[in-house]
Protein backbone atom coordinates (compact mmCIF):
# COMPACT_ATOMS: atom_id res chain seq x y z
CA MET A 1 20.71 -17.78 10.50
CA GLY A 2 20.69 -20.03 7.47
CA LYS A 3 18.49 -19.17 4.53
CA LEU A 4 16.82 -16.13 6.13
CA ASP A 5 20.02 -14.07 6.15
CA LYS A 6 20.03 -14.13 2.33
CA ASN A 7 16.78 -12.13 2.33
CA LEU A 8 17.69 -9.32 4.74
CA ARG A 9 16.72 -5.78 3.76
CA ILE A 10 17.12 -2.38 5.36
CA CYS A 11 14.23 0.07 5.03
CA GLY A 12 15.04 3.24 3.08
CA GLU A 13 12.65 5.32 5.20
CA CYS A 14 12.92 4.26 8.84
CA GLY A 15 16.13 2.21 8.70
CA ILE A 16 15.01 -1.00 10.38
CA VAL A 17 16.29 -4.35 9.18
CA TYR A 18 13.72 -6.94 8.15
CA THR A 19 13.56 -10.10 6.10
CA SER A 20 11.65 -10.32 2.83
CA VAL A 21 10.22 -13.77 3.59
CA SER A 22 8.24 -15.20 6.44
CA PHE A 23 6.98 -18.72 6.95
CA THR A 24 3.70 -17.96 5.19
CA LYS A 25 4.28 -15.17 2.64
CA TYR A 26 6.69 -12.90 0.76
CA ILE A 27 7.04 -9.44 2.30
CA ASN A 28 7.54 -6.58 -0.16
CA GLN A 29 7.31 -3.60 2.22
CA CYS A 30 8.59 -2.47 5.60
CA PRO A 31 6.52 -3.97 8.44
CA ILE A 32 6.78 -0.73 10.46
CA CYS A 33 6.29 2.21 8.05
CA LYS A 34 4.98 0.26 5.00
CA SER A 35 7.59 1.83 2.69
CA LYS A 36 8.64 -0.14 -0.37
CA ARG A 37 12.05 1.59 -0.52
CA TYR A 38 14.78 -0.74 0.68
CA GLU A 39 18.33 -1.87 0.14
CA ILE A 40 19.46 -5.47 0.20
CA ILE A 41 22.03 -6.33 2.85
CA ILE A 42 24.86 -8.48 1.53
CA ARG A 43 26.35 -10.48 4.36
CA LYS A 44 29.72 -12.15 4.03
CA SER A 45 30.31 -15.33 5.96
CA ASP A 46 33.51 -17.14 6.82
CA ASN A 47 32.76 -19.72 4.13
CA ASP A 48 32.54 -17.20 1.24
């Protein structure tokens, strides 16, 4: 996934996973329910 996997979030309301960046703007709320509650997903790779 490259750089996008560093910006993964999980919504605190509906539970979907989304990224906080797109190609055109920074996203600061859930695209489905518009909640601003989230938790950052920390992903470990084989190289870490």
